[in-house]
Amino acid sequence: MVNSYLCKDISGTAVVRRAAGDGVIQPKISCVPRGKLSSHETIDRETVVQINGVMAMVMVQDIEKALRFYRDTLGLTVQDEQEDWVVFQEGISLGLAPEPAPDLQLAFNTVMVTLVVDDVNAAYVELTKRGVAFFLAPTTEAGATFATFRDSEGNLVQLLSN
């Protein structure tokens, strides 16, 4: 079952979001079930949750291997590090994934991290020199250029520039 929600972002712009039966909406700024608020109504700014940033958590099985990949190969800067997690200044963190319970059939490392760069083509050349195997070379569509590869854990990583 897909539900439709009317949402307002920080600027007050109305957007319609759809959520699966679990009700999860991404991003979740300020939403009400559609029909409860018309598209021309505004949400009081006081009720909107202020989002100050977004952190992408990449769940991994081998934290040391993933740390080396993100720090040494991609060049991210470690902000904080513990035994089972790492936070990078660039807004990405690594977390040691618990062993999935077979009866839940969860895939903890199903994520795509998008890294915004100034020049996808230059980053592609540099990362290829560092041993990164891209399965999608730089491609431009609708004014955006992107290229995609997998990290040390098999997660999708995409480079993006406008």
N, C-alpha and C. Protein backbone atom coordinates (compact mmCIF):
# COMPACT_ATOMS: atom_id res chain seq x y z
N MET A 1 0.84 -1.18 0.00
CA MET A 1 0.00 0.00 0.00
C MET A 1 0.89 1.24 0.00
N VAL A 2 0.64 2.15 -0.93
CA VAL A 2 1.42 3.38 -1.01
C VAL A 2 0.54 4.54 -0.56
N ASN A 3 1.03 5.31 0.41
CA ASN A 3 0.31 6.46 0.91
C ASN A 3 0.91 7.72 0.31
N SER A 4 0.10 8.73 0.13
CA SER A 4 0.56 10.00 -0.39
C SER A 4 0.55 11.02 0.74
N TYR A 5 1.64 11.77 0.87
CA TYR A 5 1.77 12.77 1.92
C TYR A 5 2.09 14.11 1.30
N LEU A 6 1.56 15.17 1.88
CA LEU A 6 1.91 16.51 1.46
C LEU A 6 2.95 17.01 2.45
N CYS A 7 4.10 17.42 1.95
CA CYS A 7 5.20 17.81 2.81
C CYS A 7 5.62 19.23 2.49
N LYS A 8 6.18 19.88 3.46
CA LYS A 8 6.75 21.21 3.28
C LYS A 8 8.21 21.13 3.71
N ASP A 9 9.11 21.61 2.86
CA ASP A 9 10.50 21.64 3.25
C ASP A 9 10.77 22.92 4.01
N ILE A 10 12.01 23.15 4.39
CA ILE A 10 12.39 24.30 5.21
C ILE A 10 11.98 25.62 4.55
N SER A 11 12.07 25.69 3.23
CA SER A 11 11.73 26.92 2.53
C SER A 11 10.22 27.14 2.42
N GLY A 12 9.43 26.12 2.83
CA GLY A 12 7.98 26.23 2.74
C GLY A 12 7.43 25.69 1.43
N THR A 13 8.29 25.15 0.57
CA THR A 13 7.86 24.60 -0.70
C THR A 13 7.07 23.31 -0.48
N ALA A 14 5.92 23.22 -1.09
CA ALA A 14 5.09 22.03 -0.95
C ALA A 14 5.54 20.98 -1.95
N VAL A 15 5.68 19.76 -1.48
CA VAL A 15 6.02 18.64 -2.34
C VAL A 15 5.21 17.44 -1.90
N VAL A 16 4.85 16.60 -2.86
CA VAL A 16 4.12 15.38 -2.53
C VAL A 16 5.12 14.25 -2.44
N ARG A 17 5.07 13.50 -1.37
CA ARG A 17 5.95 12.35 -1.16
C ARG A 17 5.08 11.11 -1.08
N ARG A 18 5.60 10.03 -1.53
CA ARG A 18 4.90 8.76 -1.43
C ARG A 18 5.69 7.86 -0.51
N ALA A 19 4.99 7.08 0.29
CA ALA A 19 5.64 6.17 1.23
C ALA A 19 5.01 4.80 1.10
N ALA A 20 5.83 3.78 1.31
CA ALA A 20 5.33 2.42 1.31
C ALA A 20 4.45 2.22 2.54
N GLY A 21 3.87 1.06 2.69
CA GLY A 21 2.98 0.77 3.80
C GLY A 21 3.58 1.02 5.17
N ASP A 22 4.92 1.04 5.26
CA ASP A 22 5.55 1.28 6.56
C ASP A 22 5.54 2.76 6.93
N GLY A 23 5.12 3.62 6.00
CA GLY A 23 5.01 5.04 6.29
C GLY A 23 6.32 5.80 6.22
N VAL A 24 7.39 5.17 5.75
CA VAL A 24 8.68 5.85 5.70
C VAL A 24 8.72 6.81 4.52
N ILE A 25 9.08 8.05 4.78
CA ILE A 25 9.19 9.08 3.75
C ILE A 25 10.60 9.63 3.82
N GLN A 26 11.27 9.73 2.69
CA GLN A 26 12.61 10.29 2.67
C GLN A 26 12.64 11.47 1.71
N PRO A 27 13.12 12.65 2.02
CA PRO A 27 13.45 13.05 3.38
C PRO A 27 12.18 13.40 4.15
N LYS A 28 12.21 13.22 5.44
CA LYS A 28 11.04 13.49 6.28
C LYS A 28 11.25 14.85 6.92
N ILE A 29 10.67 15.86 6.37
CA ILE A 29 10.82 17.21 6.89
C ILE A 29 9.60 17.55 7.73
N SER A 30 8.47 17.79 7.11
CA SER A 30 7.23 18.05 7.81
C SER A 30 6.12 17.57 6.90
N CYS A 31 5.48 16.48 7.27
CA CYS A 31 4.51 15.85 6.38
C CYS A 31 3.22 15.51 7.11
N VAL A 32 2.13 15.58 6.37
CA VAL A 32 0.83 15.16 6.88
C VAL A 32 0.18 14.33 5.78
N PRO A 33 -0.71 13.39 6.15
CA PRO A 33 -1.39 12.62 5.10
C PRO A 33 -2.11 13.56 4.15
N ARG A 34 -1.98 13.29 2.88
CA ARG A 34 -2.62 14.13 1.87
C ARG A 34 -4.12 14.17 2.11
N GLY A 35 -4.69 15.32 1.95
CA GLY A 35 -6.10 15.50 2.20
C GLY A 35 -6.32 16.21 3.53
N LYS A 36 -5.34 16.13 4.42
CA LYS A 36 -5.42 16.82 5.71
C LYS A 36 -4.95 18.27 5.57
N LEU A 37 -4.17 18.57 4.54
CA LEU A 37 -3.64 19.90 4.31
C LEU A 37 -3.66 20.13 2.81
N SER A 38 -4.29 21.17 2.35
CA SER A 38 -4.34 21.42 0.91
C SER A 38 -3.00 21.95 0.42
N SER A 39 -2.78 21.84 -0.87
CA SER A 39 -1.48 22.21 -1.44
C SER A 39 -1.18 23.70 -1.30
N HIS A 40 -2.18 24.55 -1.08
CA HIS A 40 -1.93 25.99 -0.96
C HIS A 40 -1.78 26.44 0.49
N GLU A 41 -2.05 25.55 1.45
CA GLU A 41 -1.87 25.92 2.85
C GLU A 41 -0.39 25.89 3.21
N THR A 42 -0.05 26.66 4.21
CA THR A 42 1.34 26.67 4.65
C THR A 42 1.45 26.06 6.04
N ILE A 43 2.59 25.48 6.31
CA ILE A 43 2.87 24.93 7.63
C ILE A 43 3.59 26.01 8.42
N ASP A 44 3.15 26.22 9.62
CA ASP A 44 3.78 27.20 10.50
C ASP A 44 5.25 26.85 10.65
N ARG A 45 6.13 27.79 10.37
CA ARG A 45 7.58 27.58 10.44
C ARG A 45 8.01 27.02 11.80
N GLU A 46 7.27 27.37 12.86
CA GLU A 46 7.61 26.89 14.19
C GLU A 46 7.47 25.38 14.29
N THR A 47 6.63 24.76 13.46
CA THR A 47 6.40 23.32 13.56
C THR A 47 7.35 22.51 12.68
N VAL A 48 8.10 23.16 11.82
CA VAL A 48 9.00 22.44 10.92
C VAL A 48 10.28 22.08 11.67
N VAL A 49 10.70 20.84 11.56
CA VAL A 49 11.94 20.39 12.17
C VAL A 49 13.10 20.98 11.38
N GLN A 50 14.02 21.61 12.05
CA GLN A 50 15.19 22.19 11.39
C GLN A 50 16.22 21.09 11.15
N ILE A 51 16.48 20.78 9.91
CA ILE A 51 17.49 19.80 9.54
C ILE A 51 18.79 20.55 9.27
N ASN A 52 19.82 20.26 10.02
CA ASN A 52 21.09 20.98 9.89
C ASN A 52 22.12 20.23 9.07
N GLY A 53 21.83 19.02 8.68
CA GLY A 53 22.77 18.25 7.88
C GLY A 53 22.28 16.82 7.75
N VAL A 54 22.93 16.09 6.89
CA VAL A 54 22.58 14.69 6.67
C VAL A 54 23.85 13.86 6.77
N MET A 55 23.80 12.76 7.48
CA MET A 55 24.93 11.86 7.61
C MET A 55 24.53 10.53 7.00
N ALA A 56 25.30 10.04 6.06
CA ALA A 56 25.03 8.73 5.47
C ALA A 56 25.82 7.69 6.26
N MET A 57 25.13 6.69 6.80
CA MET A 57 25.77 5.61 7.54
C MET A 57 25.88 4.40 6.62
N VAL A 58 27.10 3.97 6.37
CA VAL A 58 27.34 2.79 5.54
C VAL A 58 27.66 1.64 6.49
N MET A 59 26.81 0.64 6.49
CA MET A 59 27.03 -0.52 7.35
C MET A 59 27.97 -1.49 6.64
N VAL A 60 29.02 -1.93 7.34
CA VAL A 60 30.06 -2.77 6.74
C VAL A 60 30.35 -3.98 7.63
N GLN A 61 30.87 -5.01 7.05
CA GLN A 61 31.28 -6.21 7.78
C GLN A 61 32.74 -6.11 8.23
N ASP A 62 33.59 -5.45 7.46
CA ASP A 62 35.02 -5.32 7.77
C ASP A 62 35.34 -3.83 7.90
N ILE A 63 35.27 -3.30 9.11
CA ILE A 63 35.43 -1.87 9.33
C ILE A 63 36.84 -1.39 8.98
N GLU A 64 37.86 -2.19 9.24
CA GLU A 64 39.24 -1.78 8.92
C GLU A 64 39.44 -1.66 7.41
N LYS A 65 38.95 -2.62 6.67
CA LYS A 65 39.06 -2.59 5.21
C LYS A 65 38.29 -1.40 4.63
N ALA A 66 37.07 -1.17 5.16
CA ALA A 66 36.26 -0.05 4.69
C ALA A 66 36.91 1.28 5.05
N LEU A 67 37.48 1.37 6.25
CA LEU A 67 38.18 2.58 6.67
C LEU A 67 39.32 2.90 5.71
N ARG A 68 40.12 1.90 5.40
CA ARG A 68 41.23 2.11 4.45
C ARG A 68 40.72 2.58 3.10
N PHE A 69 39.61 2.00 2.64
CA PHE A 69 39.07 2.39 1.33
C PHE A 69 38.58 3.84 1.35
N TYR A 70 37.75 4.19 2.31
CA TYR A 70 37.18 5.54 2.35
C TYR A 70 38.22 6.60 2.69
N ARG A 71 39.16 6.28 3.59
CA ARG A 71 40.18 7.24 3.98
C ARG A 71 41.31 7.31 2.96
N ASP A 72 41.89 6.17 2.62
CA ASP A 72 43.09 6.14 1.79
C ASP A 72 42.80 6.21 0.29
N THR A 73 41.76 5.54 -0.16
CA THR A 73 41.46 5.53 -1.59
C THR A 73 40.63 6.74 -2.00
N LEU A 74 39.55 7.02 -1.23
CA LEU A 74 38.69 8.15 -1.58
C LEU A 74 39.19 9.47 -1.00
N GLY A 75 40.05 9.41 0.00
CA GLY A 75 40.62 10.63 0.57
C GLY A 75 39.74 11.35 1.58
N LEU A 76 38.77 10.66 2.18
CA LEU A 76 37.94 11.29 3.19
C LEU A 76 38.74 11.50 4.48
N THR A 77 38.34 12.49 5.27
CA THR A 77 39.05 12.86 6.49
C THR A 77 38.32 12.32 7.71
N VAL A 78 39.02 11.52 8.51
CA VAL A 78 38.43 10.95 9.72
C VAL A 78 38.20 12.06 10.75
N GLN A 79 36.98 12.14 11.24
CA GLN A 79 36.63 13.10 12.28
C GLN A 79 36.67 12.43 13.65
N ASP A 80 36.15 11.20 13.72
CA ASP A 80 36.12 10.46 14.98
C ASP A 80 36.11 8.98 14.64
N GLU A 81 36.73 8.19 15.51
CA GLU A 81 36.84 6.76 15.24
C GLU A 81 36.75 5.98 16.54
N GLN A 82 35.96 4.92 16.53
CA GLN A 82 35.86 3.99 17.65
C GLN A 82 36.05 2.59 17.09
N GLU A 83 35.96 1.60 17.95
CA GLU A 83 36.17 0.22 17.54
C GLU A 83 35.18 -0.24 16.47
N ASP A 84 33.93 0.21 16.56
CA ASP A 84 32.90 -0.28 15.65
C ASP A 84 32.25 0.79 14.77
N TRP A 85 32.81 1.99 14.71
CA TRP A 85 32.30 3.03 13.82
C TRP A 85 33.36 4.09 13.54
N VAL A 86 33.18 4.75 12.40
CA VAL A 86 34.06 5.84 11.98
C VAL A 86 33.18 6.94 11.41
N VAL A 87 33.48 8.19 11.76
CA VAL A 87 32.77 9.33 11.20
C VAL A 87 33.78 10.16 10.41
N PHE A 88 33.41 10.51 9.18
CA PHE A 88 34.26 11.34 8.33
C PHE A 88 33.70 12.76 8.30
N GLN A 89 34.56 13.74 8.16
CA GLN A 89 34.15 15.14 8.12
C GLN A 89 33.22 15.43 6.94
N GLU A 90 33.29 14.64 5.92
CA GLU A 90 32.51 14.88 4.70
C GLU A 90 31.05 14.43 4.80
N GLY A 91 30.61 13.94 5.97
CA GLY A 91 29.21 13.58 6.13
C GLY A 91 28.89 12.13 5.88
N ILE A 92 29.88 11.28 5.92
CA ILE A 92 29.68 9.84 5.77
C ILE A 92 30.24 9.17 7.00
N SER A 93 29.58 8.13 7.45
CA SER A 93 30.12 7.35 8.56
C SER A 93 30.04 5.87 8.21
N LEU A 94 30.89 5.10 8.84
CA LEU A 94 30.91 3.65 8.68
C LEU A 94 30.49 3.05 10.01
N GLY A 95 29.69 2.02 9.96
CA GLY A 95 29.28 1.31 11.17
C GLY A 95 29.45 -0.17 10.96
N LEU A 96 29.95 -0.84 11.98
CA LEU A 96 30.11 -2.29 11.90
C LEU A 96 28.73 -2.92 11.94
N ALA A 97 28.37 -3.64 10.89
CA ALA A 97 27.04 -4.24 10.77
C ALA A 97 26.96 -5.48 11.64
N PRO A 98 25.89 -5.60 12.39
CA PRO A 98 25.68 -6.85 13.13
C PRO A 98 25.42 -7.96 12.12
N GLU A 99 25.72 -9.17 12.51
CA GLU A 99 25.42 -10.30 11.63
C GLU A 99 23.91 -10.35 11.43
N PRO A 100 23.45 -10.33 10.18
CA PRO A 100 21.99 -10.36 9.97
C PRO A 100 21.39 -11.68 10.43
N ALA A 101 20.22 -11.60 11.02
CA ALA A 101 19.49 -12.80 11.42
C ALA A 101 18.90 -13.43 10.16
N PRO A 102 19.19 -14.69 9.89
CA PRO A 102 18.72 -15.32 8.64
C PRO A 102 17.21 -15.23 8.45
N ASP A 103 16.44 -15.29 9.54
CA ASP A 103 14.99 -15.25 9.39
C ASP A 103 14.47 -13.86 9.02
N LEU A 104 15.27 -12.80 9.25
CA LEU A 104 14.85 -11.45 8.88
C LEU A 104 15.20 -11.12 7.44
N GLN A 105 16.18 -11.80 6.88
CA GLN A 105 16.64 -11.59 5.51
C GLN A 105 16.93 -10.13 5.23
N LEU A 106 17.70 -9.50 6.11
CA LEU A 106 18.07 -8.10 5.94
C LEU A 106 19.43 -8.00 5.28
N ALA A 107 19.57 -7.05 4.39
CA ALA A 107 20.85 -6.76 3.76
C ALA A 107 21.31 -5.41 4.32
N PHE A 108 22.20 -5.44 5.30
CA PHE A 108 22.62 -4.21 5.97
C PHE A 108 23.47 -3.32 5.09
N ASN A 109 24.12 -3.87 4.08
CA ASN A 109 24.99 -3.02 3.27
C ASN A 109 24.36 -2.67 1.93
N THR A 110 23.06 -2.43 1.92
CA THR A 110 22.37 -2.00 0.72
C THR A 110 22.21 -0.48 0.80
N VAL A 111 23.12 0.22 0.15
CA VAL A 111 23.13 1.67 0.20
C VAL A 111 23.87 2.20 -1.03
N MET A 112 23.53 3.39 -1.45
CA MET A 112 24.35 4.07 -2.44
C MET A 112 24.72 5.41 -1.86
N VAL A 113 26.01 5.65 -1.75
CA VAL A 113 26.53 6.91 -1.27
C VAL A 113 26.83 7.76 -2.50
N THR A 114 26.35 8.99 -2.52
CA THR A 114 26.65 9.90 -3.62
C THR A 114 27.60 10.96 -3.10
N LEU A 115 28.75 11.06 -3.74
CA LEU A 115 29.76 12.04 -3.39
C LEU A 115 29.73 13.16 -4.42
N VAL A 116 29.44 14.35 -3.98
CA VAL A 116 29.39 15.50 -4.88
C VAL A 116 30.81 16.03 -5.05
N VAL A 117 31.28 16.08 -6.28
CA VAL A 117 32.63 16.53 -6.60
C VAL A 117 32.56 17.67 -7.63
N ASP A 118 33.65 18.42 -7.76
CA ASP A 118 33.69 19.51 -8.73
C ASP A 118 33.71 18.99 -10.17
N ASP A 119 34.46 17.89 -10.40
CA ASP A 119 34.65 17.38 -11.76
C ASP A 119 34.67 15.86 -11.72
N VAL A 120 33.59 15.23 -12.14
CA VAL A 120 33.49 13.77 -12.14
C VAL A 120 34.58 13.15 -13.01
N ASN A 121 34.85 13.74 -14.17
CA ASN A 121 35.85 13.16 -15.06
C ASN A 121 37.24 13.14 -14.42
N ALA A 122 37.62 14.23 -13.76
CA ALA A 122 38.92 14.28 -13.09
C ALA A 122 38.98 13.29 -11.92
N ALA A 123 37.89 13.21 -11.15
CA ALA A 123 37.84 12.27 -10.03
C ALA A 123 37.89 10.83 -10.54
N TYR A 124 37.23 10.57 -11.65
CA TYR A 124 37.26 9.24 -12.27
C TYR A 124 38.69 8.85 -12.64
N VAL A 125 39.42 9.75 -13.26
CA VAL A 125 40.81 9.48 -13.65
C VAL A 125 41.66 9.20 -12.41
N GLU A 126 41.54 10.05 -11.38
CA GLU A 126 42.33 9.90 -10.16
C GLU A 126 42.01 8.60 -9.43
N LEU A 127 40.72 8.29 -9.27
CA LEU A 127 40.34 7.07 -8.55
C LEU A 127 40.68 5.81 -9.34
N THR A 128 40.62 5.88 -10.66
CA THR A 128 41.03 4.75 -11.49
C THR A 128 42.51 4.47 -11.28
N LYS A 129 43.32 5.53 -11.18
CA LYS A 129 44.76 5.37 -10.88
C LYS A 129 44.98 4.70 -9.54
N ARG A 130 44.06 4.93 -8.59
CA ARG A 130 44.17 4.36 -7.24
C ARG A 130 43.59 2.95 -7.16
N GLY A 131 43.15 2.41 -8.30
CA GLY A 131 42.67 1.04 -8.33
C GLY A 131 41.18 0.85 -8.24
N VAL A 132 40.41 1.93 -8.26
CA VAL A 132 38.95 1.80 -8.21
C VAL A 132 38.45 1.36 -9.58
N ALA A 133 37.66 0.29 -9.59
CA ALA A 133 37.08 -0.23 -10.84
C ALA A 133 35.65 0.29 -10.97
N PHE A 134 35.44 1.19 -11.90
CA PHE A 134 34.11 1.74 -12.15
C PHE A 134 33.33 0.79 -13.04
N PHE A 135 32.05 0.59 -12.73
CA PHE A 135 31.22 -0.17 -13.66
C PHE A 135 30.34 0.74 -14.49
N LEU A 136 30.31 2.05 -14.13
CA LEU A 136 29.66 3.04 -14.97
C LEU A 136 30.61 4.22 -15.10
N ALA A 137 31.16 4.38 -16.29
CA ALA A 137 32.09 5.48 -16.57
C ALA A 137 31.31 6.80 -16.52
N PRO A 138 32.02 7.93 -16.46
CA PRO A 138 31.31 9.21 -16.42
C PRO A 138 30.26 9.34 -17.53
N THR A 139 29.07 9.69 -17.12
CA THR A 139 27.92 9.82 -18.01
C THR A 139 27.21 11.12 -17.67
N THR A 140 26.77 11.83 -18.69
CA THR A 140 26.06 13.09 -18.45
C THR A 140 24.62 12.96 -18.92
N GLU A 141 23.70 13.31 -18.01
CA GLU A 141 22.27 13.32 -18.32
C GLU A 141 21.64 14.51 -17.62
N ALA A 142 20.83 15.24 -18.32
CA ALA A 142 20.07 16.37 -17.77
C ALA A 142 20.96 17.34 -17.01
N GLY A 143 22.15 17.58 -17.53
CA GLY A 143 23.05 18.56 -16.93
C GLY A 143 23.88 18.07 -15.77
N ALA A 144 23.71 16.82 -15.37
CA ALA A 144 24.50 16.25 -14.27
C ALA A 144 25.40 15.15 -14.82
N THR A 145 26.62 15.10 -14.30
CA THR A 145 27.56 14.05 -14.69
C THR A 145 27.76 13.14 -13.50
N PHE A 146 27.74 11.82 -13.75
CA PHE A 146 27.92 10.87 -12.66
C PHE A 146 28.71 9.67 -13.15
N ALA A 147 29.32 8.97 -12.21
CA ALA A 147 30.05 7.73 -12.46
C ALA A 147 29.87 6.87 -11.21
N THR A 148 29.81 5.55 -11.39
CA THR A 148 29.47 4.68 -10.27
C THR A 148 30.45 3.52 -10.14
N PHE A 149 30.78 3.19 -8.89
CA PHE A 149 31.65 2.05 -8.57
C PHE A 149 31.18 1.42 -7.27
N ARG A 150 31.84 0.35 -6.85
CA ARG A 150 31.52 -0.30 -5.56
C ARG A 150 32.68 -0.09 -4.60
N ASP A 151 32.34 0.07 -3.31
CA ASP A 151 33.37 0.23 -2.30
C ASP A 151 33.92 -1.14 -1.89
N SER A 152 34.73 -1.17 -0.86
CA SER A 152 35.35 -2.41 -0.41
C SER A 152 34.35 -3.44 0.11
N GLU A 153 33.14 -3.02 0.43
CA GLU A 153 32.10 -3.91 0.94
C GLU A 153 31.03 -4.23 -0.09
N GLY A 154 31.17 -3.70 -1.30
CA GLY A 154 30.20 -3.95 -2.35
C GLY A 154 29.07 -2.93 -2.43
N ASN A 155 29.11 -1.88 -1.58
CA ASN A 155 28.10 -0.83 -1.63
C ASN A 155 28.33 0.04 -2.86
N LEU A 156 27.27 0.59 -3.39
CA LEU A 156 27.37 1.49 -4.53
C LEU A 156 27.85 2.86 -4.08
N VAL A 157 28.79 3.42 -4.81
CA VAL A 157 29.26 4.77 -4.57
C VAL A 157 29.19 5.50 -5.90
N GLN A 158 28.58 6.66 -5.89
CA GLN A 158 28.40 7.44 -7.12
C GLN A 158 29.07 8.79 -6.95
N LEU A 159 29.80 9.20 -7.97
CA LEU A 159 30.34 10.55 -8.03
C LEU A 159 29.35 11.39 -8.81
N LEU A 160 29.13 12.64 -8.39
CA LEU A 160 28.15 13.49 -9.04
C LEU A 160 28.65 14.91 -9.11
N SER A 161 28.46 15.54 -10.26
CA SER A 161 28.72 16.98 -10.40
C SER A 161 27.67 17.56 -11.33
N ASN A 162 27.39 18.85 -11.15
CA ASN A 162 26.39 19.53 -11.99
C ASN A 162 27.10 20.35 -13.04
